[in-house]
Amino acid sequence: MTTTPTEPRRLQKAAPRERQPPSRQASGRRNWAAGLAGWLWLVVVAVPLYWALITSLKTQNRYYASNPLAPSSDPTLDNYRLVVESDFLGYLVNSVVVTVGAVVPAVVFSFMAAYAIVRGWRMRVLRAVNGLFLLGLAIPLQATVIPVYLIIIRLGLYDSLLALILPSIAFAIPLSVLVLSNFVRDVPKELFDSMRVDGATEWTTLWRLAAPLTRPAILTVTIFNALTIWNGFLLPLILTQSPDRRTLPLALWTFQGQYGFNFPAVLAAVVLTTLPVLVLYAFGRRQLLSGLTAGFSR
């Protein structure tokens, strides 16, 4: 008779302990080394951006006469006006055309290829194609410059924006297929089977089921490829020659030769070139990091 009342009391005492998370004590510890490293990395990244911004607002004489890290007491926008008047908007349009013209086909083709690989994994041909896509990750761009240059010459596309778009599509596909295939593989098979029972075709299943469920991955590869192609320098340098075919990274190189050592004008061009990238990264940072992390951790 004395043992039965003690059992509920023991259960009542043990219940609050079970509700407590097991890692509460461990999560309360502060990682001072990681925090210090994060602040140091923030300083390393922020100081060059700060220097470029304040220098772009200085005149050339004031830049050499004052402290490089001190802001100007009389800021001016003459450097930005000089850059805009030097056909900067034309270079901006070329970069937008190349980026959009390469990212949209690359993402669409990669999504369809990832869907085909996941849904038809048992087919030997699709497994071989997937192996070719993965092999493309091991080939750097610098190793293919001469073959790409010869192919563009044979096709008669040299010194055109299409000569930049086609290789950019090819180099954006392997990583896009890898990330998208991992997300498509996580879609429950029962959903595909239910679509098939309802009479939906593979094309309908692709765009009505797989596309909405893998939207974070699609946004991830879109942002990542857009940043990579926007900052591309080697392909425009090798495959273009005319000044009206230059993109923004290549235009910065020409600005250095045009203005000599006019650092404020060059840095004004750098700020204008970096501004669209910073805006895109600010809006898509979480999607980019979470999508890439999930794609490689699955």
Protein backbone atom coordinates (compact mmCIF):
# COMPACT_ATOMS: atom_id res chain seq x y z
CA MET A 1 0.00 0.00 0.00
CA THR A 2 2.87 2.42 0.60
CA THR A 3 4.50 1.85 -2.82
CA THR A 4 1.64 3.02 -5.06
CA PRO A 5 1.51 6.69 -3.91
CA THR A 6 5.26 7.12 -4.40
CA GLU A 7 5.21 6.09 -8.08
CA PRO A 8 3.06 9.07 -9.28
CA ARG A 9 5.25 11.43 -7.23
CA ARG A 10 8.35 10.07 -8.95
CA LEU A 11 6.69 10.50 -12.34
CA GLN A 12 5.72 14.06 -11.47
CA LYS A 13 9.26 14.90 -10.46
CA ALA A 14 10.71 13.28 -13.55
CA ALA A 15 8.32 14.97 -15.99
CA PRO A 16 9.82 18.47 -15.81
CA ARG A 17 13.28 17.03 -16.47
CA GLU A 18 12.06 15.40 -19.68
CA ARG A 19 10.68 18.70 -21.00
CA GLN A 20 14.02 20.43 -20.74
CA PRO A 21 16.06 20.28 -23.96
CA PRO A 22 19.15 18.13 -23.58
CA SER A 23 21.39 20.67 -25.24
CA ARG A 24 20.28 23.66 -23.16
CA GLN A 25 23.49 23.86 -21.20
CA ALA A 26 25.63 23.37 -24.26
CA SER A 27 23.71 25.97 -26.30
CA GLY A 28 24.17 28.57 -23.57
CA ARG A 29 27.93 28.63 -24.01
CA ARG A 30 29.35 31.48 -26.02
CA ASN A 31 31.92 30.77 -28.68
CA TRP A 32 34.22 33.75 -28.20
CA ALA A 33 36.74 32.55 -30.77
CA ALA A 34 34.11 32.30 -33.51
CA GLY A 35 32.68 35.70 -32.58
CA LEU A 36 36.11 37.33 -32.68
CA ALA A 37 36.86 35.70 -36.03
CA GLY A 38 33.52 36.97 -37.36
CA TRP A 39 34.26 40.53 -36.32
CA LEU A 40 37.74 40.37 -37.82
CA TRP A 41 36.31 39.10 -41.10
CA LEU A 42 33.73 41.92 -41.03
CA VAL A 43 36.53 44.46 -40.68
CA VAL A 44 38.48 42.86 -43.53
CA VAL A 45 35.43 43.09 -45.82
CA ALA A 46 34.10 46.48 -44.67
CA VAL A 47 37.33 48.50 -44.78
CA PRO A 48 37.91 48.13 -48.56
CA LEU A 49 34.26 48.98 -49.24
CA TYR A 50 34.48 52.03 -46.99
CA TRP A 51 37.71 53.14 -48.65
CA ALA A 52 36.29 52.74 -52.15
CA LEU A 53 33.16 54.71 -51.25
CA ILE A 54 34.87 57.68 -49.62
CA THR A 55 37.60 57.79 -52.27
CA SER A 56 35.04 57.93 -55.07
CA LEU A 57 33.70 61.15 -53.52
CA LYS A 58 37.11 62.89 -53.53
CA THR A 59 38.90 64.85 -56.21
CA GLN A 60 42.19 63.54 -57.49
CA ASN A 61 44.20 66.32 -55.82
CA ARG A 62 42.49 65.86 -52.48
CA TYR A 63 43.04 62.11 -52.64
CA TYR A 64 46.83 62.49 -52.78
CA ALA A 65 46.89 65.30 -50.22
CA SER A 66 44.73 63.73 -47.49
CA ASN A 67 44.57 60.58 -45.43
CA PRO A 68 43.22 57.77 -47.64
CA LEU A 69 40.87 56.54 -44.87
CA ALA A 70 39.60 60.00 -43.90
CA PRO A 71 36.32 61.11 -45.50
CA SER A 72 36.38 64.19 -47.66
CA SER A 73 35.25 67.47 -46.15
CA ASP A 74 33.96 68.56 -49.55
CA PRO A 75 32.53 65.47 -51.30
CA THR A 76 31.83 65.65 -55.01
CA LEU A 77 30.00 63.55 -57.61
CA ASP A 78 32.24 64.57 -60.50
CA ASN A 79 33.83 61.13 -60.64
CA TYR A 80 30.44 59.43 -61.05
CA ARG A 81 29.50 61.97 -63.73
CA LEU A 82 32.75 61.23 -65.56
CA VAL A 83 32.12 57.48 -65.44
CA VAL A 84 28.52 57.79 -66.66
CA GLU A 85 29.60 60.01 -69.54
CA SER A 86 32.18 57.39 -70.62
CA ASP A 87 29.50 54.99 -71.98
CA PHE A 88 29.08 53.29 -68.63
CA LEU A 89 25.38 52.73 -69.28
CA GLY A 90 26.25 50.83 -72.47
CA TYR A 91 28.51 48.49 -70.49
CA LEU A 92 25.72 48.07 -67.94
CA VAL A 93 23.25 47.06 -70.65
CA ASN A 94 25.75 44.52 -72.04
CA SER A 95 26.20 42.96 -68.60
CA VAL A 96 22.44 42.76 -68.05
CA VAL A 97 21.89 41.15 -71.47
CA VAL A 98 24.65 38.58 -70.93
CA THR A 99 23.54 37.77 -67.38
CA VAL A 100 19.84 37.39 -68.14
CA GLY A 101 20.47 35.65 -71.46
CA ALA A 102 22.69 33.06 -69.77
CA VAL A 103 20.94 32.56 -66.43
CA VAL A 104 17.40 31.96 -67.71
CA PRO A 105 18.25 29.18 -70.22
CA ALA A 106 20.77 27.61 -67.83
CA VAL A 107 18.29 27.40 -64.93
CA VAL A 108 15.42 26.12 -67.11
CA PHE A 109 17.56 23.47 -68.78
CA SER A 110 19.17 22.44 -65.47
CA PHE A 111 15.77 22.07 -63.79
CA MET A 112 14.43 19.87 -66.58
CA ALA A 113 17.64 17.82 -66.59
CA ALA A 114 17.50 17.37 -62.80
CA TYR A 115 13.89 16.23 -63.00
CA ALA A 116 14.72 13.73 -65.75
CA ILE A 117 17.71 12.37 -63.82
CA VAL A 118 15.74 11.89 -60.60
CA ARG A 119 12.62 10.44 -62.20
CA GLY A 120 14.51 8.20 -64.64
CA TRP A 121 17.48 7.24 -62.48
CA ARG A 122 17.17 3.59 -63.49
CA MET A 123 17.85 4.44 -67.14
CA ARG A 124 21.49 3.91 -68.01
CA VAL A 125 21.58 6.85 -70.39
CA LEU A 126 20.40 9.32 -67.76
CA ARG A 127 22.95 8.05 -65.25
CA ALA A 128 25.68 8.59 -67.83
CA VAL A 129 24.39 12.10 -68.49
CA ASN A 130 24.43 12.85 -64.77
CA GLY A 131 28.03 11.68 -64.65
CA LEU A 132 28.90 14.10 -67.44
CA PHE A 133 27.30 16.95 -65.51
CA LEU A 134 29.28 16.07 -62.40
CA LEU A 135 32.44 15.85 -64.49
CA GLY A 136 31.85 19.44 -65.56
CA LEU A 137 32.39 20.55 -61.96
CA ALA A 138 35.97 19.27 -62.10
CA ILE A 139 36.91 21.25 -65.23
CA PRO A 140 37.89 24.87 -64.50
CA LEU A 141 37.08 27.67 -66.87
CA GLN A 142 40.73 28.54 -67.39
CA ALA A 143 41.46 25.08 -68.80
CA THR A 144 38.89 25.49 -71.59
CA VAL A 145 39.68 29.01 -72.78
CA ILE A 146 41.52 27.93 -75.94
CA PRO A 147 38.91 25.31 -77.04
CA VAL A 148 36.07 27.74 -76.37
CA TYR A 149 37.88 30.47 -78.30
CA LEU A 150 38.37 28.19 -81.31
CA ILE A 151 34.74 27.04 -81.24
CA ILE A 152 33.48 30.62 -81.12
CA ILE A 153 35.73 31.54 -84.06
CA ARG A 154 34.46 28.57 -86.11
CA LEU A 155 30.84 29.53 -85.36
CA GLY A 156 31.45 33.11 -86.44
CA LEU A 157 30.31 34.51 -83.10
CA TYR A 158 33.51 36.26 -82.06
CA ASP A 159 33.09 39.78 -80.69
CA SER A 160 29.39 39.38 -79.94
CA LEU A 161 27.31 39.08 -76.81
CA LEU A 162 26.16 35.63 -77.91
CA ALA A 163 29.79 34.51 -77.67
CA LEU A 164 29.61 35.30 -73.95
CA ILE A 165 26.15 33.86 -73.36
CA LEU A 166 26.70 30.36 -74.77
CA PRO A 167 29.84 29.45 -72.73
CA SER A 168 28.28 30.99 -69.62
CA ILE A 169 25.28 28.70 -70.01
CA ALA A 170 27.53 25.67 -70.37
CA PHE A 171 29.56 26.45 -67.24
CA ALA A 172 26.45 27.25 -65.15
CA ILE A 173 24.68 23.95 -65.85
CA PRO A 174 26.77 21.40 -63.81
CA LEU A 175 26.39 23.05 -60.41
CA SER A 176 22.77 23.93 -61.11
CA VAL A 177 21.92 20.31 -61.95
CA LEU A 178 23.65 19.10 -58.78
CA VAL A 179 21.71 21.46 -56.51
CA LEU A 180 18.35 21.06 -58.24
CA SER A 181 18.53 17.26 -58.44
CA ASN A 182 19.02 17.04 -54.67
CA PHE A 183 15.89 19.11 -54.10
CA VAL A 184 13.79 17.24 -56.67
CA ARG A 185 14.88 13.95 -55.07
CA ASP A 186 13.40 15.09 -51.75
CA VAL A 187 9.92 15.51 -53.21
CA PRO A 188 7.85 12.55 -51.94
CA LYS A 189 7.32 9.86 -54.53
CA GLU A 190 3.68 9.55 -53.53
CA LEU A 191 3.00 13.02 -54.92
CA PHE A 192 4.36 12.02 -58.32
CA ASP A 193 2.29 8.83 -58.23
CA SER A 194 -0.87 10.74 -57.36
CA MET A 195 -0.28 13.11 -60.27
CA ARG A 196 0.18 10.15 -62.57
CA VAL A 197 -3.06 8.55 -61.32
CA ASP A 198 -4.91 11.79 -62.03
CA GLY A 199 -3.74 11.57 -65.64
CA ALA A 200 -1.07 14.28 -65.56
CA THR A 201 1.78 14.07 -68.04
CA GLU A 202 5.45 14.36 -67.11
CA TRP A 203 5.49 17.91 -68.45
CA THR A 204 2.52 18.87 -66.25
CA THR A 205 4.08 17.17 -63.24
CA LEU A 206 7.33 19.02 -63.88
CA TRP A 207 5.83 22.51 -63.83
CA ARG A 208 2.78 22.00 -61.59
CA LEU A 209 4.37 19.87 -58.85
CA ALA A 210 8.17 19.83 -58.95
CA ALA A 211 8.68 23.51 -59.78
CA PRO A 212 6.65 24.97 -56.86
CA LEU A 213 8.18 22.55 -54.34
CA THR A 214 11.76 23.30 -55.46
CA ARG A 215 11.36 27.06 -55.70
CA PRO A 216 14.05 27.77 -53.03
CA ALA A 217 16.58 25.76 -55.04
CA ILE A 218 15.62 27.51 -58.27
CA LEU A 219 16.11 30.91 -56.62
CA THR A 220 19.43 29.74 -55.20
CA VAL A 221 20.95 28.67 -58.50
CA THR A 222 19.52 31.76 -60.20
CA ILE A 223 21.18 34.15 -57.76
CA PHE A 224 24.45 32.23 -57.66
CA ASN A 225 24.75 32.02 -61.45
CA ALA A 226 23.76 35.66 -61.86
CA LEU A 227 26.51 36.78 -59.47
CA THR A 228 29.08 34.56 -61.17
CA ILE A 229 28.26 35.68 -64.71
CA TRP A 230 27.94 39.34 -63.71
CA ASN A 231 31.47 39.32 -62.26
CA GLY A 232 32.94 37.31 -65.15
CA PHE A 233 36.13 38.80 -66.61
CA LEU A 234 37.98 36.08 -68.50
CA LEU A 235 35.36 35.30 -71.15
CA PRO A 236 34.72 38.97 -72.09
CA LEU A 237 38.46 39.54 -72.27
CA ILE A 238 39.06 36.60 -74.62
CA LEU A 239 35.89 36.57 -76.73
CA THR A 240 35.26 40.29 -77.33
CA GLN A 241 37.28 43.08 -78.88
CA SER A 242 35.04 46.03 -79.70
CA PRO A 243 34.47 48.67 -77.00
CA ASP A 244 30.69 48.47 -77.49
CA ARG A 245 30.73 44.75 -76.56
CA ARG A 246 32.45 45.16 -73.22
CA THR A 247 30.80 44.21 -69.95
CA LEU A 248 31.25 46.02 -66.65
CA PRO A 249 34.21 43.99 -65.26
CA LEU A 250 36.11 44.48 -68.51
CA ALA A 251 35.11 48.16 -68.59
CA LEU A 252 36.78 48.64 -65.20
CA TRP A 253 40.01 47.43 -66.70
CA THR A 254 39.70 49.93 -69.54
CA PHE A 255 38.90 52.71 -67.08
CA GLN A 256 42.22 52.10 -65.40
CA GLY A 257 44.02 52.59 -68.67
CA GLN A 258 41.87 55.54 -69.69
CA TYR A 259 42.24 57.55 -66.52
CA GLY A 260 45.73 56.43 -65.60
CA PHE A 261 46.10 56.71 -61.85
CA ASN A 262 42.89 58.62 -61.29
CA PHE A 263 41.88 56.42 -58.37
CA PRO A 264 38.70 58.35 -57.47
CA ALA A 265 37.28 57.86 -60.99
CA VAL A 266 38.24 54.20 -61.08
CA LEU A 267 36.68 53.57 -57.67
CA ALA A 268 33.54 55.41 -58.72
CA ALA A 269 33.23 52.88 -61.54
CA VAL A 270 33.85 50.07 -59.02
CA VAL A 271 31.06 51.35 -56.76
CA LEU A 272 28.60 51.57 -59.66
CA THR A 273 29.56 48.08 -60.80
CA THR A 274 29.25 46.56 -57.33
CA LEU A 275 25.97 48.24 -56.42
CA PRO A 276 23.66 45.89 -58.41
CA VAL A 277 25.52 42.88 -56.98
CA LEU A 278 25.10 44.13 -53.40
CA VAL A 279 21.40 44.78 -53.94
CA LEU A 280 20.87 41.32 -55.41
CA TYR A 281 22.84 39.68 -52.61
CA ALA A 282 20.99 41.64 -49.93
CA PHE A 283 17.61 40.38 -51.15
CA GLY A 284 18.71 36.81 -51.91
CA ARG A 285 21.33 36.14 -49.22
CA ARG A 286 19.25 33.77 -47.12
CA GLN A 287 17.95 31.85 -50.12
CA LEU A 288 21.46 31.54 -51.53
CA LEU A 289 23.11 30.28 -48.33
CA SER A 290 20.29 27.96 -47.27
CA GLY A 291 19.87 26.51 -50.74
CA LEU A 292 23.56 25.79 -51.25
CA THR A 293 23.94 24.35 -47.77
CA ALA A 294 20.94 22.07 -48.22
CA GLY A 295 22.07 21.06 -51.68
CA PHE A 296 25.49 19.86 -50.55
CA SER A 297 24.39 18.37 -47.22
CA ARG A 298 21.82 15.95 -48.61
